[in-house]
Amino acid sequence: MSGPPPMSGPPFGAAPGRPKPARVTVILAVVAGLFFLAGGVMTGLFLTTTGDLNRAEERISEQDATIAATASELEKVKIDLQRSQETLARTQQDLTGTQNDRDEQARQKTVIASCLDQLSTALAAAALGDEQAFEAANEGLEEVCEEADDYL
């Protein structure tokens, strides 16, 4: 027989070509487990963030509705205020006109009273036959009574 003896395994001192299949499976299982845990954490974070976002959007929507309602109410109040100011201005104008009318009527009443007083004095002087008193009372009587006649 010539030649080397038959071998059933790798020669002594030779490095194995591949790691054992059990070792590869363990490493892959650990890596897959880590990815699974990371995926679970990320999913939890995503769900939490999405819930927070939805709640924030609801609050913002409610606030927008409140702001819109407040703005609408403010516009109504502004319109009511403008109407009230216009009504107040008309009322003040009417009051001023009424006061002016009252003042004019008081002046007219004074003119008529003056005319009647002078006329009464002139008639009394004429009835007594006092010509000097009659002339004094008759002085300016025509002008005052013409103005009073305009008011009657």
N, C-alpha and C. Protein backbone atom coordinates (compact mmCIF):
# COMPACT_ATOMS: atom_id res chain seq x y z
N MET A 1 0.79 -1.14 0.00
CA MET A 1 0.00 0.00 0.00
C MET A 1 0.84 1.22 0.00
N SER A 2 0.58 1.74 -0.83
CA SER A 2 1.36 2.94 -0.92
C SER A 2 0.41 4.13 -0.87
N GLY A 3 0.70 5.10 -0.32
CA GLY A 3 -0.09 6.34 -0.23
C GLY A 3 -0.49 6.67 1.20
N PRO A 4 -1.09 7.76 1.38
CA PRO A 4 -1.48 8.17 2.73
C PRO A 4 -2.68 7.38 3.24
N PRO A 5 -2.76 7.21 4.51
CA PRO A 5 -3.87 6.47 5.08
C PRO A 5 -5.17 7.25 4.92
N PRO A 6 -6.28 6.59 4.83
CA PRO A 6 -7.57 7.29 4.66
C PRO A 6 -7.93 8.09 5.91
N MET A 7 -8.66 9.26 5.70
CA MET A 7 -9.00 10.17 6.82
C MET A 7 -10.51 10.36 6.88
N SER A 8 -11.01 10.50 8.08
CA SER A 8 -12.43 10.70 8.24
C SER A 8 -12.76 12.12 8.67
N GLY A 9 -11.83 12.92 8.95
CA GLY A 9 -12.07 14.30 9.38
C GLY A 9 -10.99 15.22 8.87
N PRO A 10 -10.99 16.45 9.21
CA PRO A 10 -9.96 17.34 8.72
C PRO A 10 -8.64 17.02 9.38
N PRO A 11 -7.58 17.29 8.69
CA PRO A 11 -6.28 16.99 9.26
C PRO A 11 -6.03 17.82 10.51
N PHE A 12 -5.16 17.31 11.38
CA PHE A 12 -4.87 17.97 12.64
C PHE A 12 -4.22 19.31 12.37
N GLY A 13 -4.67 20.36 13.07
CA GLY A 13 -4.06 21.66 12.95
C GLY A 13 -4.66 22.47 11.82
N ALA A 14 -5.60 21.92 11.04
CA ALA A 14 -6.21 22.68 9.97
C ALA A 14 -7.41 23.44 10.54
N ALA A 15 -7.60 24.66 10.10
CA ALA A 15 -8.70 25.50 10.59
C ALA A 15 -9.99 25.08 9.92
N PRO A 16 -11.08 25.03 10.65
CA PRO A 16 -12.35 24.68 10.04
C PRO A 16 -12.77 25.76 9.05
N GLY A 17 -13.45 25.46 7.99
CA GLY A 17 -13.86 26.40 6.95
C GLY A 17 -15.09 27.21 7.33
N ARG A 18 -15.99 26.63 8.09
CA ARG A 18 -17.21 27.34 8.46
C ARG A 18 -17.48 27.10 9.94
N PRO A 19 -18.21 28.08 10.61
CA PRO A 19 -18.55 27.81 12.00
C PRO A 19 -19.64 26.76 12.05
N LYS A 20 -19.83 26.24 13.18
CA LYS A 20 -20.84 25.23 13.35
C LYS A 20 -22.22 25.82 13.11
N PRO A 21 -23.14 25.06 12.54
CA PRO A 21 -24.48 25.58 12.26
C PRO A 21 -25.22 26.00 13.52
N ALA A 22 -25.01 25.45 14.62
CA ALA A 22 -25.69 25.81 15.86
C ALA A 22 -25.30 27.22 16.29
N ARG A 23 -24.07 27.56 16.10
CA ARG A 23 -23.59 28.89 16.49
C ARG A 23 -24.22 29.97 15.62
N VAL A 24 -24.33 29.77 14.33
CA VAL A 24 -24.95 30.71 13.39
C VAL A 24 -26.41 30.89 13.75
N THR A 25 -27.10 29.88 14.09
CA THR A 25 -28.51 29.94 14.44
C THR A 25 -28.71 30.78 15.70
N VAL A 26 -27.86 30.63 16.66
CA VAL A 26 -27.95 31.41 17.91
C VAL A 26 -27.72 32.88 17.61
N ILE A 27 -26.73 33.20 16.82
CA ILE A 27 -26.44 34.60 16.49
C ILE A 27 -27.60 35.20 15.72
N LEU A 28 -28.13 34.46 14.75
CA LEU A 28 -29.27 34.97 13.99
C LEU A 28 -30.50 35.14 14.88
N ALA A 29 -30.71 34.26 15.83
CA ALA A 29 -31.85 34.36 16.75
C ALA A 29 -31.71 35.59 17.65
N VAL A 30 -30.49 35.84 18.12
CA VAL A 30 -30.26 37.02 18.98
C VAL A 30 -30.49 38.30 18.18
N VAL A 31 -29.97 38.36 16.96
CA VAL A 31 -30.14 39.55 16.11
C VAL A 31 -31.63 39.73 15.79
N ALA A 32 -32.33 38.66 15.46
CA ALA A 32 -33.76 38.75 15.15
C ALA A 32 -34.54 39.20 16.39
N GLY A 33 -34.16 38.70 17.55
CA GLY A 33 -34.81 39.12 18.79
C GLY A 33 -34.61 40.60 19.05
N LEU A 34 -33.37 41.07 18.81
CA LEU A 34 -33.10 42.50 19.00
C LEU A 34 -33.93 43.34 18.02
N PHE A 35 -34.00 42.90 16.77
CA PHE A 35 -34.82 43.62 15.79
C PHE A 35 -36.29 43.59 16.20
N PHE A 36 -36.76 42.47 16.71
CA PHE A 36 -38.14 42.36 17.15
C PHE A 36 -38.41 43.32 18.31
N LEU A 37 -37.50 43.36 19.28
CA LEU A 37 -37.66 44.30 20.41
C LEU A 37 -37.62 45.75 19.93
N ALA A 38 -36.67 46.06 19.05
CA ALA A 38 -36.58 47.43 18.52
C ALA A 38 -37.86 47.78 17.75
N GLY A 39 -38.39 46.83 16.99
CA GLY A 39 -39.64 47.07 16.26
C GLY A 39 -40.79 47.29 17.21
N GLY A 40 -40.84 46.52 18.31
CA GLY A 40 -41.89 46.72 19.31
C GLY A 40 -41.80 48.08 19.97
N VAL A 41 -40.59 48.49 20.32
CA VAL A 41 -40.38 49.81 20.93
C VAL A 41 -40.79 50.91 19.96
N MET A 42 -40.36 50.77 18.71
CA MET A 42 -40.70 51.77 17.70
C MET A 42 -42.21 51.83 17.47
N THR A 43 -42.87 50.69 17.44
CA THR A 43 -44.33 50.65 17.27
C THR A 43 -45.01 51.34 18.45
N GLY A 44 -44.54 51.04 19.66
CA GLY A 44 -45.10 51.71 20.84
C GLY A 44 -44.91 53.21 20.78
N LEU A 45 -43.72 53.64 20.41
CA LEU A 45 -43.47 55.07 20.29
C LEU A 45 -44.35 55.69 19.21
N PHE A 46 -44.51 54.98 18.09
CA PHE A 46 -45.35 55.49 17.01
C PHE A 46 -46.80 55.65 17.47
N LEU A 47 -47.31 54.63 18.15
CA LEU A 47 -48.70 54.69 18.61
C LEU A 47 -48.89 55.79 19.65
N THR A 48 -47.95 55.94 20.55
CA THR A 48 -48.02 57.00 21.57
C THR A 48 -47.98 58.37 20.91
N THR A 49 -47.06 58.55 19.98
CA THR A 49 -46.93 59.84 19.30
C THR A 49 -48.17 60.14 18.46
N THR A 50 -48.71 59.11 17.80
CA THR A 50 -49.91 59.31 17.00
C THR A 50 -51.09 59.69 17.88
N GLY A 51 -51.22 59.04 19.04
CA GLY A 51 -52.30 59.40 19.98
C GLY A 51 -52.15 60.83 20.47
N ASP A 52 -50.93 61.22 20.82
CA ASP A 52 -50.68 62.60 21.26
C ASP A 52 -51.02 63.58 20.15
N LEU A 53 -50.64 63.24 18.93
CA LEU A 53 -50.92 64.10 17.79
C LEU A 53 -52.42 64.25 17.57
N ASN A 54 -53.15 63.15 17.66
CA ASN A 54 -54.61 63.20 17.48
C ASN A 54 -55.26 64.06 18.56
N ARG A 55 -54.83 63.89 19.80
CA ARG A 55 -55.38 64.71 20.89
C ARG A 55 -55.05 66.19 20.68
N ALA A 56 -53.84 66.47 20.23
CA ALA A 56 -53.45 67.86 19.97
C ALA A 56 -54.28 68.44 18.83
N GLU A 57 -54.52 67.65 17.79
CA GLU A 57 -55.35 68.13 16.68
C GLU A 57 -56.78 68.39 17.13
N GLU A 58 -57.31 67.55 18.01
CA GLU A 58 -58.66 67.77 18.54
C GLU A 58 -58.72 69.05 19.36
N ARG A 59 -57.71 69.26 20.20
CA ARG A 59 -57.68 70.50 21.01
C ARG A 59 -57.59 71.73 20.11
N ILE A 60 -56.76 71.64 19.09
CA ILE A 60 -56.62 72.78 18.17
C ILE A 60 -57.92 73.02 17.43
N SER A 61 -58.57 71.95 17.02
CA SER A 61 -59.85 72.09 16.33
C SER A 61 -60.89 72.74 17.24
N GLU A 62 -60.94 72.31 18.50
CA GLU A 62 -61.86 72.92 19.46
C GLU A 62 -61.53 74.39 19.68
N GLN A 63 -60.25 74.69 19.79
CA GLN A 63 -59.84 76.08 19.98
C GLN A 63 -60.18 76.93 18.76
N ASP A 64 -59.99 76.37 17.57
CA ASP A 64 -60.36 77.10 16.36
C ASP A 64 -61.86 77.39 16.33
N ALA A 65 -62.65 76.40 16.74
CA ALA A 65 -64.11 76.60 16.79
C ALA A 65 -64.47 77.66 17.81
N THR A 66 -63.80 77.63 18.95
CA THR A 66 -64.06 78.64 19.99
C THR A 66 -63.66 80.03 19.50
N ILE A 67 -62.54 80.11 18.84
CA ILE A 67 -62.08 81.40 18.32
C ILE A 67 -63.05 81.93 17.27
N ALA A 68 -63.52 81.04 16.40
CA ALA A 68 -64.47 81.46 15.37
C ALA A 68 -65.77 81.95 16.00
N ALA A 69 -66.25 81.23 17.01
CA ALA A 69 -67.49 81.64 17.69
C ALA A 69 -67.29 82.97 18.40
N THR A 70 -66.15 83.14 19.03
CA THR A 70 -65.86 84.40 19.73
C THR A 70 -65.75 85.56 18.73
N ALA A 71 -65.11 85.30 17.61
CA ALA A 71 -64.98 86.35 16.58
C ALA A 71 -66.36 86.73 16.04
N SER A 72 -67.21 85.75 15.83
CA SER A 72 -68.56 86.02 15.34
C SER A 72 -69.34 86.84 16.36
N GLU A 73 -69.22 86.45 17.62
CA GLU A 73 -69.92 87.19 18.68
C GLU A 73 -69.37 88.61 18.79
N LEU A 74 -68.06 88.76 18.63
CA LEU A 74 -67.45 90.08 18.68
C LEU A 74 -67.97 90.96 17.56
N GLU A 75 -68.12 90.41 16.37
CA GLU A 75 -68.67 91.19 15.25
C GLU A 75 -70.10 91.64 15.55
N LYS A 76 -70.90 90.75 16.13
CA LYS A 76 -72.27 91.13 16.49
C LYS A 76 -72.27 92.25 17.51
N VAL A 77 -71.38 92.15 18.49
CA VAL A 77 -71.29 93.18 19.53
C VAL A 77 -70.85 94.51 18.91
N LYS A 78 -69.91 94.45 17.96
CA LYS A 78 -69.47 95.68 17.30
C LYS A 78 -70.61 96.33 16.54
N ILE A 79 -71.40 95.50 15.84
CA ILE A 79 -72.55 96.03 15.09
C ILE A 79 -73.56 96.65 16.06
N ASP A 80 -73.83 95.95 17.17
CA ASP A 80 -74.77 96.48 18.17
C ASP A 80 -74.25 97.79 18.75
N LEU A 81 -72.94 97.85 19.02
CA LEU A 81 -72.35 99.07 19.55
C LEU A 81 -72.49 100.21 18.55
N GLN A 82 -72.24 99.94 17.27
CA GLN A 82 -72.37 100.97 16.24
C GLN A 82 -73.80 101.49 16.17
N ARG A 83 -74.76 100.56 16.22
CA ARG A 83 -76.17 100.98 16.19
C ARG A 83 -76.51 101.82 17.42
N SER A 84 -76.01 101.41 18.57
CA SER A 84 -76.28 102.16 19.79
C SER A 84 -75.67 103.56 19.72
N GLN A 85 -74.47 103.65 19.16
CA GLN A 85 -73.83 104.95 19.02
C GLN A 85 -74.62 105.84 18.07
N GLU A 86 -75.11 105.26 16.97
CA GLU A 86 -75.91 106.03 16.03
C GLU A 86 -77.22 106.48 16.67
N THR A 87 -77.85 105.60 17.43
CA THR A 87 -79.09 105.95 18.13
C THR A 87 -78.83 107.05 19.15
N LEU A 88 -77.73 106.94 19.88
CA LEU A 88 -77.37 107.96 20.85
C LEU A 88 -77.13 109.30 20.16
N ALA A 89 -76.45 109.30 19.02
CA ALA A 89 -76.18 110.55 18.29
C ALA A 89 -77.49 111.19 17.84
N ARG A 90 -78.44 110.35 17.32
CA ARG A 90 -79.74 110.90 16.89
C ARG A 90 -80.51 111.46 18.08
N THR A 91 -80.46 110.75 19.19
CA THR A 91 -81.16 111.20 20.39
C THR A 91 -80.58 112.51 20.89
N GLN A 92 -79.27 112.63 20.89
CA GLN A 92 -78.63 113.88 21.31
C GLN A 92 -78.99 115.02 20.37
N GLN A 93 -79.04 114.71 19.08
CA GLN A 93 -79.42 115.73 18.11
C GLN A 93 -80.87 116.16 18.34
N ASP A 94 -81.75 115.19 18.58
CA ASP A 94 -83.15 115.52 18.86
C ASP A 94 -83.26 116.34 20.13
N LEU A 95 -82.49 115.97 21.15
CA LEU A 95 -82.51 116.70 22.41
C LEU A 95 -82.04 118.13 22.21
N THR A 96 -80.99 118.30 21.44
CA THR A 96 -80.48 119.65 21.17
C THR A 96 -81.54 120.46 20.43
N GLY A 97 -82.20 119.83 19.44
CA GLY A 97 -83.26 120.52 18.71
C GLY A 97 -84.42 120.89 19.63
N THR A 98 -84.77 119.98 20.53
CA THR A 98 -85.85 120.25 21.48
C THR A 98 -85.47 121.39 22.42
N GLN A 99 -84.24 121.38 22.89
CA GLN A 99 -83.78 122.46 23.77
C GLN A 99 -83.78 123.79 23.02
N ASN A 100 -83.35 123.78 21.77
CA ASN A 100 -83.37 125.01 20.99
C ASN A 100 -84.80 125.51 20.78
N ASP A 101 -85.72 124.57 20.50
CA ASP A 101 -87.14 124.94 20.35
C ASP A 101 -87.68 125.52 21.65
N ARG A 102 -87.34 124.90 22.76
CA ARG A 102 -87.80 125.39 24.06
C ARG A 102 -87.26 126.80 24.33
N ASP A 103 -85.98 127.00 24.02
CA ASP A 103 -85.40 128.33 24.22
C ASP A 103 -86.09 129.36 23.33
N GLU A 104 -86.37 128.98 22.07
CA GLU A 104 -87.05 129.89 21.15
C GLU A 104 -88.47 130.19 21.65
N GLN A 105 -89.17 129.20 22.15
CA GLN A 105 -90.52 129.41 22.67
C GLN A 105 -90.49 130.31 23.91
N ALA A 106 -89.47 130.15 24.74
CA ALA A 106 -89.35 131.02 25.93
C ALA A 106 -89.09 132.46 25.49
N ARG A 107 -88.27 132.65 24.45
CA ARG A 107 -88.01 134.00 23.96
C ARG A 107 -89.28 134.60 23.37
N GLN A 108 -90.03 133.77 22.58
CA GLN A 108 -91.28 134.27 22.01
C GLN A 108 -92.28 134.62 23.11
N LYS A 109 -92.33 133.83 24.14
CA LYS A 109 -93.23 134.09 25.27
C LYS A 109 -92.86 135.41 25.95
N THR A 110 -91.56 135.66 26.06
CA THR A 110 -91.11 136.92 26.66
C THR A 110 -91.52 138.12 25.80
N VAL A 111 -91.39 137.97 24.48
CA VAL A 111 -91.77 139.06 23.56
C VAL A 111 -93.27 139.32 23.65
N ILE A 112 -94.07 138.25 23.64
CA ILE A 112 -95.53 138.41 23.74
C ILE A 112 -95.91 139.03 25.07
N ALA A 113 -95.28 138.59 26.16
CA ALA A 113 -95.58 139.15 27.49
C ALA A 113 -95.20 140.62 27.55
N SER A 114 -94.09 140.96 26.93
CA SER A 114 -93.65 142.37 26.92
C SER A 114 -94.67 143.22 26.15
N CYS A 115 -95.14 142.69 25.00
CA CYS A 115 -96.14 143.41 24.21
C CYS A 115 -97.41 143.62 25.03
N LEU A 116 -97.88 142.56 25.68
CA LEU A 116 -99.11 142.67 26.48
C LEU A 116 -98.94 143.60 27.66
N ASP A 117 -97.76 143.55 28.29
CA ASP A 117 -97.52 144.46 29.43
C ASP A 117 -97.55 145.92 28.97
N GLN A 118 -96.85 146.21 27.86
CA GLN A 118 -96.82 147.59 27.36
C GLN A 118 -98.21 148.03 26.90
N LEU A 119 -98.94 147.14 26.26
CA LEU A 119 -100.28 147.45 25.79
C LEU A 119 -101.21 147.70 26.98
N SER A 120 -101.09 146.85 28.01
CA SER A 120 -101.90 147.02 29.22
C SER A 120 -101.59 148.34 29.90
N THR A 121 -100.30 148.67 29.96
CA THR A 121 -99.89 149.95 30.58
C THR A 121 -100.42 151.12 29.77
N ALA A 122 -100.36 151.02 28.43
CA ALA A 122 -100.85 152.10 27.57
C ALA A 122 -102.36 152.23 27.70
N LEU A 123 -103.09 151.14 27.75
CA LEU A 123 -104.55 151.20 27.90
C LEU A 123 -104.95 151.77 29.27
N ALA A 124 -104.22 151.36 30.29
CA ALA A 124 -104.51 151.88 31.64
C ALA A 124 -104.25 153.38 31.68
N ALA A 125 -103.17 153.84 31.05
CA ALA A 125 -102.86 155.27 31.04
C ALA A 125 -103.90 156.02 30.22
N ALA A 126 -104.37 155.42 29.11
CA ALA A 126 -105.39 156.07 28.29
C ALA A 126 -106.71 156.12 29.05
N ALA A 127 -107.02 155.10 29.80
CA ALA A 127 -108.27 155.08 30.57
C ALA A 127 -108.24 156.12 31.67
N LEU A 128 -107.08 156.35 32.24
CA LEU A 128 -106.95 157.37 33.29
C LEU A 128 -106.79 158.76 32.70
N GLY A 129 -106.54 158.84 31.42
CA GLY A 129 -106.39 160.13 30.77
C GLY A 129 -105.00 160.71 30.95
N ASP A 130 -104.03 159.88 31.34
CA ASP A 130 -102.65 160.34 31.55
C ASP A 130 -101.92 160.23 30.23
N GLU A 131 -101.83 161.38 29.54
CA GLU A 131 -101.26 161.39 28.20
C GLU A 131 -99.76 161.13 28.22
N GLN A 132 -99.07 161.61 29.21
CA GLN A 132 -97.63 161.40 29.30
C GLN A 132 -97.31 159.92 29.53
N ALA A 133 -98.02 159.25 30.40
CA ALA A 133 -97.82 157.82 30.68
C ALA A 133 -98.22 157.01 29.44
N PHE A 134 -99.28 157.49 28.75
CA PHE A 134 -99.72 156.80 27.54
C PHE A 134 -98.63 156.86 26.47
N GLU A 135 -98.02 158.01 26.29
CA GLU A 135 -96.95 158.18 25.30
C GLU A 135 -95.73 157.34 25.68
N ALA A 136 -95.40 157.28 26.95
CA ALA A 136 -94.23 156.51 27.41
C ALA A 136 -94.49 155.01 27.18
N ALA A 137 -95.70 154.55 27.47
CA ALA A 137 -96.03 153.14 27.31
C ALA A 137 -96.15 152.78 25.82
N ASN A 138 -96.56 153.74 25.01
CA ASN A 138 -96.77 153.53 23.58
C ASN A 138 -95.44 153.51 22.82
N GLU A 139 -94.36 154.05 23.43
CA GLU A 139 -93.06 154.12 22.80
C GLU A 139 -92.50 152.70 22.60
N GLY A 140 -92.18 152.29 21.40
CA GLY A 140 -91.62 150.97 21.10
C GLY A 140 -92.66 149.87 21.11
N LEU A 141 -93.94 150.23 21.41
CA LEU A 141 -95.00 149.23 21.48
C LEU A 141 -95.25 148.60 20.12
N GLU A 142 -95.22 149.39 19.09
CA GLU A 142 -95.53 148.88 17.75
C GLU A 142 -94.50 147.83 17.30
N GLU A 143 -93.21 148.06 17.55
CA GLU A 143 -92.17 147.10 17.14
C GLU A 143 -92.30 145.79 17.91
N VAL A 144 -92.50 145.89 19.23
CA VAL A 144 -92.59 144.70 20.07
C VAL A 144 -93.84 143.90 19.69
N CYS A 145 -94.97 144.61 19.49
CA CYS A 145 -96.20 143.91 19.19
C CYS A 145 -96.22 143.32 17.78
N GLU A 146 -95.51 143.92 16.82
CA GLU A 146 -95.41 143.35 15.48
C GLU A 146 -94.66 142.00 15.54
N GLU A 147 -93.59 141.99 16.32
CA GLU A 147 -92.85 140.73 16.49
C GLU A 147 -93.72 139.70 17.20
N ALA A 148 -94.45 140.14 18.23
CA ALA A 148 -95.33 139.22 18.96
C ALA A 148 -96.45 138.71 18.06
N ASP A 149 -96.92 139.56 17.15
CA ASP A 149 -97.97 139.17 16.22
C ASP A 149 -97.48 138.05 15.28
N ASP A 150 -96.19 138.07 14.94
CA ASP A 150 -95.61 137.01 14.10
C ASP A 150 -95.69 135.65 14.80
N TYR A 151 -95.61 135.64 16.12
CA TYR A 151 -95.62 134.41 16.89
C TYR A 151 -97.04 133.90 17.20
N LEU A 152 -98.02 134.79 17.08
CA LEU A 152 -99.39 134.37 17.42
C LEU A 152 -100.12 133.85 16.26
